Structure formats: C-alpha cells, structure tokens
C-alpha cells in the first residue's frame, strides 16, 4: 500500500515535470514550424518571382526587337527621302542654271514649269523627312524607356537570385531544427502518455489494496 502511494507520488511528480517539458517542446515546435513554413514560402516566392521576371525579360526583348525593327524601317525611309531630296535639289539647281541660259521664252516657260514641279516635290520630301524624323524620335524614346524597364527587371532578377542561396540555407537549417524539435516533442508526448497510463493503473490498484 505504502509502496503504491510512493509510486503514485513519484509518478505524479514525473507527470508534472514531463508535462512542462511537453508544453515547452510543443511551443518550440509550433514556433520552429511556423518559421520553417515562412522560409519555405519565401523560397517558393523568390523562385516564382525569378521565373516571372525572366518571362518579363523575354517579353521586353521581343518588344525591343519589334520597336527597333520599326525604327530601322523609318530610318531607311528617311534616308531614302534624304537621298531623293538631294537629287531634287541638284535638279533644281540645274534647271535654274538652264533658265538663265534659255534661248526662247517658250523654253524658259517650260523650264520654269519643271522648276515649280521640282520645288513642290522638294517641299513634299522635306515634309516627309520631318514626319519620319518625328517618328524616329518617338521610337528612340520608346526603345529607351523599354531598355530602362529591362535594366530594372534585370537588377530585380539579380537581387532575387543573390538572395536565394541565403533563403535556401535558412530553409534547410530551419527544417533540420524542426526535425530535431519534432522528435523531442513526440518523445515528450509519448513519455507523458506512458506516465498517465501508469498513474491510471496505480490509482485503480490502490483501492484494491485496502483490507
């Protein structure tokens, strides 16, 4: 009888101690588990951001190629117009010289008609060059803005890639700690249940030990 009571007292003290250990282990387990999820989520988010930004870079490169091709087309048209303008200016100068040496009024009139036509053509070409130059400027500005966006995205990718190893290290370390804490917590729970079971058996045995 006395032995059972002593055993009961001993197990009660053990239960009190193991319960404290179990609660402490449970709190630590929850804390580390939360931290592990945080780093794991952060790692996944970082990888997802890297993949998204890389796709953005591909889209941006495609846009740059498209705008650059359009700009180069405008530049070719502007160059062709400039060459045509130079040719017409030479024609104008030649006609003006011919007018000065025209032999008859009819010849002079015909040359003046051609001159007016050339002057009109020159004005049209100058207007075309002006429009092409304006378009070229807009394309240059657009490409420049897209390049700036590309640089920003590239820096963001680099920043995320550089941060990834550290996050991976933290995630791995935290997972290892979680595994260790989890084992201790599970051991404490099993130990507590074992003591509770023993207490239950002793408590049920004490009345039977009475005379």
N, C-alpha and C. Protein backbone atom coordinates (compact mmCIF):
# COMPACT_ATOMS: atom_id res chain seq x y z
N UNK A 1 0.83 -1.21 0.00
CA UNK A 1 0.00 0.00 0.00
C UNK A 1 0.86 1.25 0.00
N UNK A 2 1.84 1.27 0.96
CA UNK A 2 2.74 2.42 1.05
C UNK A 2 3.58 2.54 -0.21
N UNK A 3 3.95 1.37 -0.73
CA UNK A 3 4.76 1.37 -1.96
C UNK A 3 4.01 1.96 -3.13
N UNK A 4 2.71 1.62 -3.22
CA UNK A 4 1.88 2.14 -4.30
C UNK A 4 1.72 3.65 -4.18
N UNK A 5 1.53 4.11 -2.92
CA UNK A 5 1.36 5.54 -2.70
C UNK A 5 2.64 6.31 -3.05
N UNK A 6 3.77 5.71 -2.67
CA UNK A 6 5.06 6.34 -3.01
C UNK A 6 5.25 6.39 -4.53
N UNK A 7 4.85 5.27 -5.15
CA UNK A 7 4.96 5.22 -6.62
C UNK A 7 4.04 6.24 -7.26
N UNK A 8 2.84 6.39 -6.67
CA UNK A 8 1.87 7.37 -7.17
C UNK A 8 2.42 8.78 -7.06
N UNK A 9 3.01 9.06 -5.88
CA UNK A 9 3.60 10.38 -5.66
C UNK A 9 4.74 10.64 -6.64
N UNK A 10 5.56 9.62 -6.83
CA UNK A 10 6.71 9.74 -7.73
C UNK A 10 6.26 9.99 -9.17
N UNK A 11 5.27 9.23 -9.61
CA UNK A 11 4.76 9.38 -10.97
C UNK A 11 4.05 10.71 -11.18
N UNK A 12 3.37 11.17 -10.12
CA UNK A 12 2.69 12.47 -10.19
C UNK A 12 3.70 13.59 -10.42
N UNK A 13 4.82 13.50 -9.69
CA UNK A 13 5.89 14.49 -9.87
C UNK A 13 6.49 14.39 -11.28
N UNK A 14 6.68 13.15 -11.71
CA UNK A 14 7.23 12.94 -13.05
C UNK A 14 6.29 13.49 -14.13
N UNK A 15 4.98 13.28 -13.91
CA UNK A 15 3.99 13.79 -14.87
C UNK A 15 4.03 15.30 -14.93
N UNK A 16 4.15 15.92 -13.76
CA UNK A 16 4.21 17.38 -13.70
C UNK A 16 5.42 17.90 -14.49
N UNK A 17 6.55 17.23 -14.30
CA UNK A 17 7.78 17.64 -14.98
C UNK A 17 7.70 17.39 -16.50
N UNK A 18 7.23 16.20 -16.86
CA UNK A 18 7.16 15.87 -18.29
C UNK A 18 6.12 16.72 -19.01
N UNK A 19 5.06 17.11 -18.29
CA UNK A 19 4.04 17.98 -18.89
C UNK A 19 4.64 19.35 -19.22
N UNK A 20 5.47 19.84 -18.27
CA UNK A 20 6.16 21.12 -18.52
C UNK A 20 7.07 21.00 -19.74
N UNK A 21 7.81 19.89 -19.79
CA UNK A 21 8.72 19.65 -20.92
C UNK A 21 7.94 19.53 -22.23
N UNK A 22 6.80 18.81 -22.16
CA UNK A 22 5.97 18.62 -23.36
C UNK A 22 5.40 19.95 -23.86
N UNK A 23 4.92 20.77 -22.92
CA UNK A 23 4.37 22.08 -23.30
C UNK A 23 5.44 22.99 -23.90
N UNK A 24 6.60 22.96 -23.26
CA UNK A 24 7.72 23.75 -23.77
C UNK A 24 8.12 23.27 -25.17
N UNK A 25 8.18 21.94 -25.32
CA UNK A 25 8.51 21.35 -26.62
C UNK A 25 7.46 21.67 -27.67
N UNK A 26 6.19 21.67 -27.26
CA UNK A 26 5.10 21.98 -28.18
C UNK A 26 5.19 23.42 -28.68
N UNK A 27 5.46 24.33 -27.73
CA UNK A 27 5.59 25.75 -28.10
C UNK A 27 6.77 25.96 -29.06
N UNK A 28 7.88 25.29 -28.74
CA UNK A 28 9.06 25.42 -29.59
C UNK A 28 8.79 24.81 -30.97
N UNK A 29 8.08 23.68 -30.98
CA UNK A 29 7.74 23.01 -32.23
C UNK A 29 6.89 23.92 -33.12
N UNK A 30 5.87 24.53 -32.51
CA UNK A 30 4.98 25.43 -33.26
C UNK A 30 5.76 26.64 -33.81
N UNK A 31 6.65 27.15 -32.97
CA UNK A 31 7.45 28.32 -33.37
C UNK A 31 8.37 27.98 -34.55
N UNK A 32 9.09 26.87 -34.43
CA UNK A 32 10.03 26.46 -35.49
C UNK A 32 9.28 26.06 -36.75
N UNK A 33 8.12 25.41 -36.57
CA UNK A 33 7.31 25.00 -37.73
C UNK A 33 6.83 26.22 -38.50
N UNK A 34 6.40 27.24 -37.76
CA UNK A 34 5.95 28.49 -38.39
C UNK A 34 7.10 29.15 -39.15
N UNK A 35 8.28 29.13 -38.53
CA UNK A 35 9.47 29.72 -39.16
C UNK A 35 9.87 28.93 -40.41
N UNK A 36 9.76 27.60 -40.31
CA UNK A 36 10.10 26.74 -41.45
C UNK A 36 9.16 27.00 -42.62
N UNK A 37 7.88 27.15 -42.32
CA UNK A 37 6.90 27.45 -43.37
C UNK A 37 7.18 28.81 -44.02
N UNK A 38 7.59 29.75 -43.17
CA UNK A 38 7.89 31.11 -43.64
C UNK A 38 9.04 31.08 -44.65
N UNK A 39 10.13 30.39 -44.29
CA UNK A 39 11.30 30.33 -45.18
C UNK A 39 10.99 29.51 -46.43
N UNK A 40 10.23 28.44 -46.27
CA UNK A 40 9.85 27.61 -47.41
C UNK A 40 8.99 28.40 -48.39
N UNK A 41 8.04 29.16 -47.82
CA UNK A 41 7.17 30.01 -48.65
C UNK A 41 7.97 31.10 -49.33
N UNK A 42 8.91 31.67 -48.57
CA UNK A 42 9.77 32.73 -49.11
C UNK A 42 10.62 32.21 -50.27
N UNK A 43 11.11 30.98 -50.12
CA UNK A 43 11.93 30.37 -51.17
C UNK A 43 11.10 30.14 -52.44
N UNK A 44 9.88 29.64 -52.25
CA UNK A 44 9.00 29.41 -53.40
C UNK A 44 8.63 30.72 -54.08
N UNK A 45 8.35 31.74 -53.26
CA UNK A 45 8.00 33.06 -53.80
C UNK A 45 9.17 33.65 -54.58
N UNK A 46 10.38 33.50 -54.04
CA UNK A 46 11.57 34.02 -54.72
C UNK A 46 11.77 33.34 -56.07
N UNK A 47 11.62 32.01 -56.09
CA UNK A 47 11.78 31.26 -57.34
C UNK A 47 10.71 31.66 -58.34
N UNK A 48 9.49 31.86 -57.83
CA UNK A 48 8.38 32.25 -58.71
C UNK A 48 8.62 33.63 -59.30
N UNK A 49 9.15 34.55 -58.45
CA UNK A 49 9.45 35.90 -58.93
C UNK A 49 10.53 35.86 -60.01
N UNK A 50 11.56 35.03 -59.78
CA UNK A 50 12.65 34.91 -60.76
C UNK A 50 12.10 34.43 -62.10
N UNK A 51 11.24 33.40 -62.06
CA UNK A 51 10.67 32.85 -63.29
C UNK A 51 9.78 33.88 -63.98
N UNK A 52 8.98 34.61 -63.18
CA UNK A 52 8.09 35.63 -63.74
C UNK A 52 8.88 36.75 -64.39
N UNK A 53 9.92 37.22 -63.68
CA UNK A 53 10.74 38.31 -64.22
C UNK A 53 11.52 37.86 -65.46
N UNK A 54 11.94 36.61 -65.49
CA UNK A 54 12.64 36.10 -66.68
C UNK A 54 11.69 36.09 -67.88
N UNK A 55 10.43 35.74 -67.63
CA UNK A 55 9.43 35.78 -68.70
C UNK A 55 9.20 37.22 -69.15
N UNK A 56 9.22 38.14 -68.17
CA UNK A 56 9.08 39.56 -68.49
C UNK A 56 10.22 40.03 -69.38
N UNK A 57 11.43 39.55 -69.07
CA UNK A 57 12.61 39.92 -69.87
C UNK A 57 12.43 39.45 -71.31
N UNK A 58 11.92 38.23 -71.48
CA UNK A 58 11.68 37.70 -72.82
C UNK A 58 10.68 38.56 -73.58
N UNK A 59 9.60 38.94 -72.88
CA UNK A 59 8.58 39.80 -73.49
C UNK A 59 9.16 41.16 -73.85
N UNK A 60 9.98 41.70 -72.94
CA UNK A 60 10.61 43.01 -73.16
C UNK A 60 11.57 42.94 -74.35
N UNK A 61 12.37 41.88 -74.42
CA UNK A 61 13.30 41.72 -75.55
C UNK A 61 12.56 41.65 -76.88
N UNK A 62 11.43 40.94 -76.85
CA UNK A 62 10.61 40.84 -78.07
C UNK A 62 10.07 42.21 -78.47
N UNK A 63 9.65 42.98 -77.46
CA UNK A 63 9.13 44.32 -77.71
C UNK A 63 10.24 45.24 -78.25
N UNK A 64 11.43 45.12 -77.65
CA UNK A 64 12.57 45.93 -78.11
C UNK A 64 12.90 45.60 -79.57
N UNK A 65 12.90 44.31 -79.90
CA UNK A 65 13.19 43.88 -81.27
C UNK A 65 12.16 44.44 -82.24
N UNK A 66 10.89 44.39 -81.81
CA UNK A 66 9.80 44.88 -82.65
C UNK A 66 9.93 46.39 -82.89
N UNK A 67 10.12 47.14 -81.81
CA UNK A 67 10.23 48.60 -81.92
C UNK A 67 11.49 49.01 -82.68
N UNK A 68 12.58 48.27 -82.45
CA UNK A 68 13.84 48.57 -83.15
C UNK A 68 13.68 48.34 -84.65
N UNK A 69 12.99 47.25 -85.01
CA UNK A 69 12.76 46.95 -86.43
C UNK A 69 11.91 48.05 -87.07
N UNK A 70 10.89 48.52 -86.35
CA UNK A 70 10.04 49.60 -86.85
C UNK A 70 10.85 50.89 -87.01
N UNK A 71 11.71 51.16 -86.02
CA UNK A 71 12.53 52.36 -86.06
C UNK A 71 13.51 52.30 -87.23
N UNK A 72 14.13 51.15 -87.44
CA UNK A 72 15.08 50.99 -88.54
C UNK A 72 14.39 51.14 -89.89
N UNK A 73 13.14 50.68 -89.97
CA UNK A 73 12.36 50.85 -91.20
C UNK A 73 12.12 52.33 -91.48
N UNK A 74 11.77 53.07 -90.43
CA UNK A 74 11.56 54.52 -90.56
C UNK A 74 12.87 55.21 -90.95
N UNK A 75 13.97 54.77 -90.36
CA UNK A 75 15.28 55.36 -90.67
C UNK A 75 15.66 55.12 -92.14
N UNK A 76 15.34 53.93 -92.64
CA UNK A 76 15.63 53.64 -94.06
C UNK A 76 14.80 54.52 -94.98
N UNK A 77 13.53 54.69 -94.62
CA UNK A 77 12.64 55.55 -95.41
C UNK A 77 13.11 57.00 -95.36
N UNK A 78 13.57 57.42 -94.19
CA UNK A 78 14.07 58.80 -94.04
C UNK A 78 15.33 59.00 -94.87
N UNK A 79 16.21 58.00 -94.85
CA UNK A 79 17.45 58.07 -95.63
C UNK A 79 17.15 58.12 -97.13
N UNK A 80 16.19 57.29 -97.55
CA UNK A 80 15.80 57.27 -98.97
C UNK A 80 15.22 58.63 -99.37
N UNK A 81 14.41 59.20 -98.47
CA UNK A 81 13.82 60.52 -98.74
C UNK A 81 14.91 61.59 -98.80
N UNK A 82 15.91 61.47 -97.94
CA UNK A 82 17.01 62.44 -97.93
C UNK A 82 17.81 62.36 -99.23
N UNK A 83 18.04 61.14 -99.70
CA UNK A 83 18.75 60.95 -100.97
C UNK A 83 17.94 61.52 -102.13
N UNK A 84 16.63 61.30 -102.06
CA UNK A 84 15.74 61.84 -103.09
C UNK A 84 15.73 63.37 -103.05
N UNK A 85 15.77 63.92 -101.84
CA UNK A 85 15.81 65.37 -101.68
C UNK A 85 17.09 65.95 -102.29
N UNK A 86 18.20 65.30 -102.00
CA UNK A 86 19.48 65.76 -102.55
C UNK A 86 19.45 65.74 -104.09
N UNK A 87 18.85 64.68 -104.62
CA UNK A 87 18.74 64.56 -106.08
C UNK A 87 17.88 65.68 -106.65
N UNK A 88 16.75 65.96 -105.99
CA UNK A 88 15.84 67.01 -106.47
C UNK A 88 16.47 68.40 -106.33
N UNK A 89 17.25 68.60 -105.29
CA UNK A 89 17.94 69.89 -105.11
C UNK A 89 18.95 70.10 -106.25
N UNK A 90 19.64 69.03 -106.62
CA UNK A 90 20.57 69.11 -107.75
C UNK A 90 19.83 69.44 -109.04
N UNK A 91 18.66 68.78 -109.22
CA UNK A 91 17.84 69.06 -110.40
C UNK A 91 17.39 70.51 -110.41
N UNK A 92 17.01 71.01 -109.24
CA UNK A 92 16.55 72.40 -109.11
C UNK A 92 17.66 73.37 -109.53
N UNK A 93 18.86 73.10 -109.02
CA UNK A 93 19.99 73.98 -109.35
C UNK A 93 20.31 73.93 -110.85
N UNK A 94 20.19 72.73 -111.40
CA UNK A 94 20.46 72.57 -112.83
C UNK A 94 19.42 73.32 -113.67
N UNK A 95 18.14 73.18 -113.29
CA UNK A 95 17.07 73.87 -114.03
C UNK A 95 17.23 75.38 -113.91
N UNK A 96 17.58 75.84 -112.71
CA UNK A 96 17.78 77.29 -112.50
C UNK A 96 18.89 77.80 -113.42
N UNK A 97 19.94 77.02 -113.58
CA UNK A 97 21.04 77.40 -114.47
C UNK A 97 20.56 77.40 -115.93
N UNK A 98 19.76 76.40 -116.26
CA UNK A 98 19.26 76.32 -117.64
C UNK A 98 18.32 77.48 -117.96
N UNK A 99 17.53 77.92 -116.95
CA UNK A 99 16.63 79.05 -117.16
C UNK A 99 17.42 80.31 -117.52
N UNK A 100 18.54 80.47 -116.83
CA UNK A 100 19.37 81.66 -117.08
C UNK A 100 19.89 81.69 -118.52
N UNK A 101 20.03 80.50 -119.11
CA UNK A 101 20.59 80.45 -120.46
C UNK A 101 19.55 80.00 -121.51
N UNK A 102 18.26 80.14 -121.16
CA UNK A 102 17.21 79.76 -122.11
C UNK A 102 17.25 80.66 -123.35
N UNK A 103 17.07 80.05 -124.52
CA UNK A 103 17.17 80.81 -125.78
C UNK A 103 15.85 81.49 -126.14
N UNK A 104 14.75 80.87 -125.74
CA UNK A 104 13.44 81.44 -126.13
C UNK A 104 12.53 81.52 -124.91
N UNK A 105 11.51 82.39 -124.98
CA UNK A 105 10.53 82.49 -123.89
C UNK A 105 9.82 81.16 -123.64
N UNK A 106 9.54 80.42 -124.73
CA UNK A 106 8.85 79.14 -124.59
C UNK A 106 9.71 78.13 -123.80
N UNK A 107 11.00 78.12 -124.15
CA UNK A 107 11.93 77.22 -123.45
C UNK A 107 12.03 77.60 -121.97
N UNK A 108 12.09 78.92 -121.73
CA UNK A 108 12.18 79.40 -120.35
C UNK A 108 10.93 79.04 -119.57
N UNK A 109 9.76 79.18 -120.23
CA UNK A 109 8.49 78.87 -119.58
C UNK A 109 8.42 77.37 -119.23
N UNK A 110 8.87 76.55 -120.16
CA UNK A 110 8.88 75.11 -119.90
C UNK A 110 9.80 74.74 -118.75
N UNK A 111 10.95 75.40 -118.70
CA UNK A 111 11.90 75.14 -117.61
C UNK A 111 11.35 75.61 -116.26
N UNK A 112 10.67 76.76 -116.28
CA UNK A 112 10.07 77.29 -115.04
C UNK A 112 8.97 76.35 -114.53
N UNK A 113 8.22 75.77 -115.47
CA UNK A 113 7.18 74.82 -115.09
C UNK A 113 7.81 73.60 -114.39
N UNK A 114 8.90 73.11 -114.98
CA UNK A 114 9.62 71.99 -114.38
C UNK A 114 10.19 72.37 -113.01
N UNK A 115 10.68 73.63 -112.93
CA UNK A 115 11.25 74.12 -111.66
C UNK A 115 10.19 74.15 -110.57
N UNK A 116 9.01 74.66 -110.91
CA UNK A 116 7.91 74.72 -109.92
C UNK A 116 7.53 73.31 -109.44
N UNK A 117 7.54 72.38 -110.39
CA UNK A 117 7.21 70.99 -110.05
C UNK A 117 8.26 70.42 -109.10
N UNK A 118 9.53 70.72 -109.38
CA UNK A 118 10.63 70.24 -108.53
C UNK A 118 10.56 70.88 -107.14
N UNK A 119 10.27 72.19 -107.09
CA UNK A 119 10.15 72.90 -105.81
C UNK A 119 9.03 72.29 -104.97
N UNK A 120 7.91 71.99 -105.64
CA UNK A 120 6.77 71.36 -104.95
C UNK A 120 7.18 69.99 -104.41
N UNK A 121 7.93 69.24 -105.24
CA UNK A 121 8.39 67.91 -104.83
C UNK A 121 9.35 68.02 -103.65
N UNK A 122 10.23 69.03 -103.69
CA UNK A 122 11.18 69.25 -102.59
C UNK A 122 10.45 69.52 -101.29
N UNK A 123 9.40 70.36 -101.36
CA UNK A 123 8.60 70.67 -100.16
C UNK A 123 7.95 69.41 -99.59
N UNK A 124 7.43 68.58 -100.47
CA UNK A 124 6.79 67.33 -100.04
C UNK A 124 7.80 66.39 -99.38
N UNK A 125 8.97 66.31 -100.01
CA UNK A 125 10.02 65.43 -99.46
C UNK A 125 10.50 65.94 -98.10
N UNK A 126 10.67 67.26 -97.97
CA UNK A 126 11.08 67.85 -96.69
C UNK A 126 10.05 67.55 -95.61
N UNK A 127 8.77 67.63 -95.97
CA UNK A 127 7.70 67.34 -95.03
C UNK A 127 7.73 65.86 -94.63
N UNK A 128 8.01 65.00 -95.63
CA UNK A 128 8.12 63.56 -95.35
C UNK A 128 9.27 63.28 -94.39
N UNK A 129 10.43 63.92 -94.66
CA UNK A 129 11.61 63.74 -93.80
C UNK A 129 11.31 64.20 -92.38
N UNK A 130 10.57 65.32 -92.28
CA UNK A 130 10.21 65.85 -90.97
C UNK A 130 9.34 64.85 -90.21
N UNK A 131 8.38 64.26 -90.92
CA UNK A 131 7.49 63.27 -90.30
C UNK A 131 8.27 62.01 -89.89
N UNK A 132 9.17 61.58 -90.79
CA UNK A 132 9.99 60.40 -90.49
C UNK A 132 10.89 60.66 -89.27
N UNK A 133 11.45 61.85 -89.21
CA UNK A 133 12.33 62.21 -88.09
C UNK A 133 11.55 62.21 -86.77
N UNK A 134 10.30 62.71 -86.84
CA UNK A 134 9.45 62.73 -85.64
C UNK A 134 9.13 61.30 -85.19
N UNK A 135 8.82 60.43 -86.15
CA UNK A 135 8.53 59.03 -85.83
C UNK A 135 9.77 58.34 -85.27
N UNK A 136 10.92 58.64 -85.88
CA UNK A 136 12.19 58.06 -85.41
C UNK A 136 12.46 58.46 -83.96
N UNK A 137 12.22 59.72 -83.66
CA UNK A 137 12.44 60.23 -82.30
C UNK A 137 11.54 59.50 -81.29
N UNK A 138 10.27 59.30 -81.68
CA UNK A 138 9.33 58.61 -80.80
C UNK A 138 9.76 57.16 -80.56
N UNK A 139 10.21 56.50 -81.62
CA UNK A 139 10.68 55.12 -81.48
C UNK A 139 11.93 55.05 -80.60
N UNK A 140 12.82 56.03 -80.77
CA UNK A 140 14.03 56.08 -79.94
C UNK A 140 13.67 56.23 -78.47
N UNK A 141 12.70 57.11 -78.18
CA UNK A 141 12.25 57.33 -76.80
C UNK A 141 11.60 56.07 -76.24
N UNK A 142 10.78 55.42 -77.08
CA UNK A 142 10.09 54.19 -76.65
C UNK A 142 11.10 53.09 -76.33
N UNK A 143 12.07 52.89 -77.23
CA UNK A 143 13.10 51.87 -77.02
C UNK A 143 13.91 52.17 -75.78
N UNK A 144 14.22 53.47 -75.57
CA UNK A 144 14.98 53.89 -74.39
C UNK A 144 14.22 53.58 -73.10
N UNK A 145 12.91 53.85 -73.10
CA UNK A 145 12.07 53.58 -71.93
C UNK A 145 11.98 52.07 -71.67
N UNK A 146 11.85 51.30 -72.74
CA UNK A 146 11.78 49.84 -72.59
C UNK A 146 13.11 49.29 -72.07
N UNK A 147 14.22 49.86 -72.54
CA UNK A 147 15.55 49.45 -72.07
C UNK A 147 15.70 49.73 -70.58
N UNK A 148 15.18 50.87 -70.13
CA UNK A 148 15.23 51.21 -68.71
C UNK A 148 14.44 50.19 -67.89
N UNK A 149 13.28 49.82 -68.42
CA UNK A 149 12.44 48.82 -67.74
C UNK A 149 13.18 47.48 -67.69
N UNK A 150 13.85 47.15 -68.79
CA UNK A 150 14.60 45.90 -68.85
C UNK A 150 15.72 45.90 -67.82
N UNK A 151 16.43 47.02 -67.70
CA UNK A 151 17.51 47.13 -66.72
C UNK A 151 16.99 46.95 -65.30
N UNK A 152 15.82 47.55 -65.03
CA UNK A 152 15.21 47.43 -63.70
C UNK A 152 14.85 45.98 -63.40
N UNK A 153 14.22 45.32 -64.38
CA UNK A 153 13.83 43.92 -64.20
C UNK A 153 15.07 43.03 -64.04
N UNK A 154 16.11 43.32 -64.82
CA UNK A 154 17.36 42.54 -64.74
C UNK A 154 17.99 42.67 -63.36
N UNK A 155 17.99 43.89 -62.82
CA UNK A 155 18.54 44.12 -61.47
C UNK A 155 17.71 43.38 -60.43
N UNK A 156 16.38 43.38 -60.63
CA UNK A 156 15.49 42.69 -59.69
C UNK A 156 15.75 41.18 -59.72
N UNK A 157 15.94 40.64 -60.93
CA UNK A 157 16.26 39.21 -61.07
C UNK A 157 17.56 38.89 -60.34
N UNK A 158 18.58 39.72 -60.58
CA UNK A 158 19.89 39.53 -59.96
C UNK A 158 19.77 39.56 -58.44
N UNK A 159 18.99 40.51 -57.94
CA UNK A 159 18.80 40.65 -56.49
C UNK A 159 18.14 39.41 -55.90
N UNK A 160 17.12 38.89 -56.59
CA UNK A 160 16.42 37.70 -56.11
C UNK A 160 17.30 36.46 -56.20
N UNK A 161 18.08 36.36 -57.27
CA UNK A 161 18.99 35.21 -57.43
C UNK A 161 20.06 35.22 -56.34
N UNK A 162 20.56 36.42 -56.02
CA UNK A 162 21.59 36.55 -54.99
C UNK A 162 21.04 36.23 -53.60
N UNK A 163 19.75 36.52 -53.37
CA UNK A 163 19.16 36.26 -52.06
C UNK A 163 18.74 34.80 -51.89
N UNK A 164 18.60 34.09 -53.01
CA UNK A 164 18.10 32.71 -52.97
C UNK A 164 18.97 31.76 -52.15
N UNK A 165 20.31 31.75 -52.32
CA UNK A 165 21.14 30.83 -51.53
C UNK A 165 20.98 31.01 -50.03
N UNK A 166 20.88 32.26 -49.58
CA UNK A 166 20.72 32.53 -48.15
C UNK A 166 19.38 32.01 -47.65
N UNK A 167 18.32 32.23 -48.45
CA UNK A 167 16.99 31.74 -48.07
C UNK A 167 16.99 30.21 -48.05
N UNK A 168 17.65 29.59 -49.04
CA UNK A 168 17.75 28.13 -49.08
C UNK A 168 18.46 27.59 -47.84
N UNK A 169 19.52 28.28 -47.45
CA UNK A 169 20.29 27.89 -46.27
C UNK A 169 19.42 27.98 -45.02
N UNK A 170 18.68 29.09 -44.89
CA UNK A 170 17.80 29.29 -43.74
C UNK A 170 16.69 28.24 -43.72
N UNK A 171 16.12 27.96 -44.91
CA UNK A 171 15.05 26.96 -45.01
C UNK A 171 15.56 25.58 -44.61
N UNK A 172 16.76 25.23 -45.07
CA UNK A 172 17.36 23.92 -44.76
C UNK A 172 17.68 23.80 -43.28
N UNK A 173 18.30 24.86 -42.72
CA UNK A 173 18.67 24.86 -41.30
C UNK A 173 17.43 24.75 -40.42
N UNK A 174 16.40 25.52 -40.79
CA UNK A 174 15.16 25.52 -40.01
C UNK A 174 14.46 24.18 -40.10
N UNK A 175 14.49 23.54 -41.27
CA UNK A 175 13.87 22.23 -41.44
C UNK A 175 14.59 21.18 -40.58
N UNK A 176 15.91 21.28 -40.54
CA UNK A 176 16.69 20.36 -39.71
C UNK A 176 16.35 20.55 -38.23
N UNK A 177 16.22 21.82 -37.84
CA UNK A 177 15.86 22.12 -36.45
C UNK A 177 14.45 21.62 -36.16
N UNK A 178 13.55 21.77 -37.13
CA UNK A 178 12.17 21.30 -36.97
C UNK A 178 12.14 19.79 -36.77
N UNK A 179 12.95 19.08 -37.54
CA UNK A 179 13.01 17.62 -37.40
C UNK A 179 13.48 17.23 -36.00
N UNK A 180 14.49 17.95 -35.50
CA UNK A 180 15.03 17.67 -34.17
C UNK A 180 14.02 17.99 -33.08
N UNK A 181 13.40 19.16 -33.19
CA UNK A 181 12.40 19.60 -32.19
C UNK A 181 11.19 18.67 -32.22
N UNK A 182 10.80 18.25 -33.43
CA UNK A 182 9.65 17.37 -33.59
C UNK A 182 9.88 16.03 -32.88
N UNK A 183 11.08 15.49 -33.01
CA UNK A 183 11.42 14.22 -32.35
C UNK A 183 11.34 14.35 -30.82
N UNK A 184 11.90 15.46 -30.32
CA UNK A 184 11.87 15.69 -28.87
C UNK A 184 10.44 15.87 -28.37
N UNK A 185 9.64 16.59 -29.15
CA UNK A 185 8.24 16.83 -28.79
C UNK A 185 7.46 15.52 -28.77
N UNK A 186 7.66 14.69 -29.80
CA UNK A 186 6.97 13.41 -29.88
C UNK A 186 7.39 12.49 -28.74
N UNK A 187 8.69 12.53 -28.41
CA UNK A 187 9.19 11.71 -27.30
C UNK A 187 8.54 12.14 -25.99
N UNK A 188 8.43 13.47 -25.78
CA UNK A 188 7.82 14.00 -24.55
C UNK A 188 6.35 13.61 -24.47
N UNK A 189 5.66 13.64 -25.61
CA UNK A 189 4.23 13.27 -25.63
C UNK A 189 4.06 11.79 -25.27
N UNK A 190 4.90 10.96 -25.86
CA UNK A 190 4.82 9.52 -25.57
C UNK A 190 5.15 9.23 -24.12
N UNK A 191 6.16 9.94 -23.60
CA UNK A 191 6.56 9.77 -22.21
C UNK A 191 5.44 10.20 -21.28
N UNK A 192 4.79 11.32 -21.62
CA UNK A 192 3.68 11.83 -20.80
C UNK A 192 2.52 10.84 -20.80
N UNK A 193 2.19 10.31 -21.99
CA UNK A 193 1.10 9.34 -22.09
C UNK A 193 1.41 8.06 -21.31
N UNK A 194 2.69 7.67 -21.34
CA UNK A 194 3.11 6.48 -20.60
C UNK A 194 2.92 6.67 -19.10
N UNK A 195 3.32 7.86 -18.62
CA UNK A 195 3.18 8.15 -17.18
C UNK A 195 1.71 8.23 -16.80
N UNK A 196 0.90 8.85 -17.66
CA UNK A 196 -0.55 8.94 -17.39
C UNK A 196 -1.15 7.54 -17.30
N UNK A 197 -0.71 6.67 -18.18
CA UNK A 197 -1.20 5.29 -18.18
C UNK A 197 -0.80 4.58 -16.89
N UNK A 198 0.46 4.78 -16.47
CA UNK A 198 0.94 4.16 -15.23
C UNK A 198 0.19 4.70 -14.02
N UNK A 199 -0.05 6.01 -14.03
CA UNK A 199 -0.81 6.63 -12.93
C UNK A 199 -2.22 6.05 -12.85
N UNK A 200 -2.81 5.86 -14.01
CA UNK A 200 -4.16 5.32 -14.06
C UNK A 200 -4.21 3.91 -13.47
N UNK A 201 -3.20 3.13 -13.78
CA UNK A 201 -3.14 1.76 -13.28
C UNK A 201 -2.95 1.74 -11.76
N UNK A 202 -2.06 2.61 -11.27
CA UNK A 202 -1.79 2.65 -9.82
C UNK A 202 -3.01 3.15 -9.07
N UNK A 203 -3.66 4.20 -9.62
CA UNK A 203 -4.85 4.76 -8.96
C UNK A 203 -5.96 3.72 -8.87
N UNK A 204 -6.06 2.91 -9.91
CA UNK A 204 -7.10 1.87 -9.89
C UNK A 204 -6.71 0.70 -8.98
N UNK A 205 -5.39 0.59 -8.72
CA UNK A 205 -4.91 -0.52 -7.89
C UNK A 205 -4.94 -0.19 -6.41
N UNK A 206 -4.84 1.08 -6.05
CA UNK A 206 -4.79 1.48 -4.63
C UNK A 206 -6.04 1.08 -3.86
N UNK A 207 -7.25 1.33 -4.35
CA UNK A 207 -8.43 0.91 -3.59
C UNK A 207 -8.47 -0.60 -3.37
N UNK A 208 -8.00 -1.35 -4.35
CA UNK A 208 -7.99 -2.80 -4.24
C UNK A 208 -7.03 -3.28 -3.17
N UNK A 209 -6.03 -2.45 -2.86
CA UNK A 209 -5.02 -2.83 -1.87
C UNK A 209 -5.52 -2.63 -0.46
N UNK A 210 -6.69 -1.98 -0.30
CA UNK A 210 -7.23 -1.76 1.04
C UNK A 210 -7.74 -3.08 1.61
N UNK A 211 -7.58 -3.29 2.95
CA UNK A 211 -8.03 -4.54 3.58
C UNK A 211 -9.55 -4.60 3.64
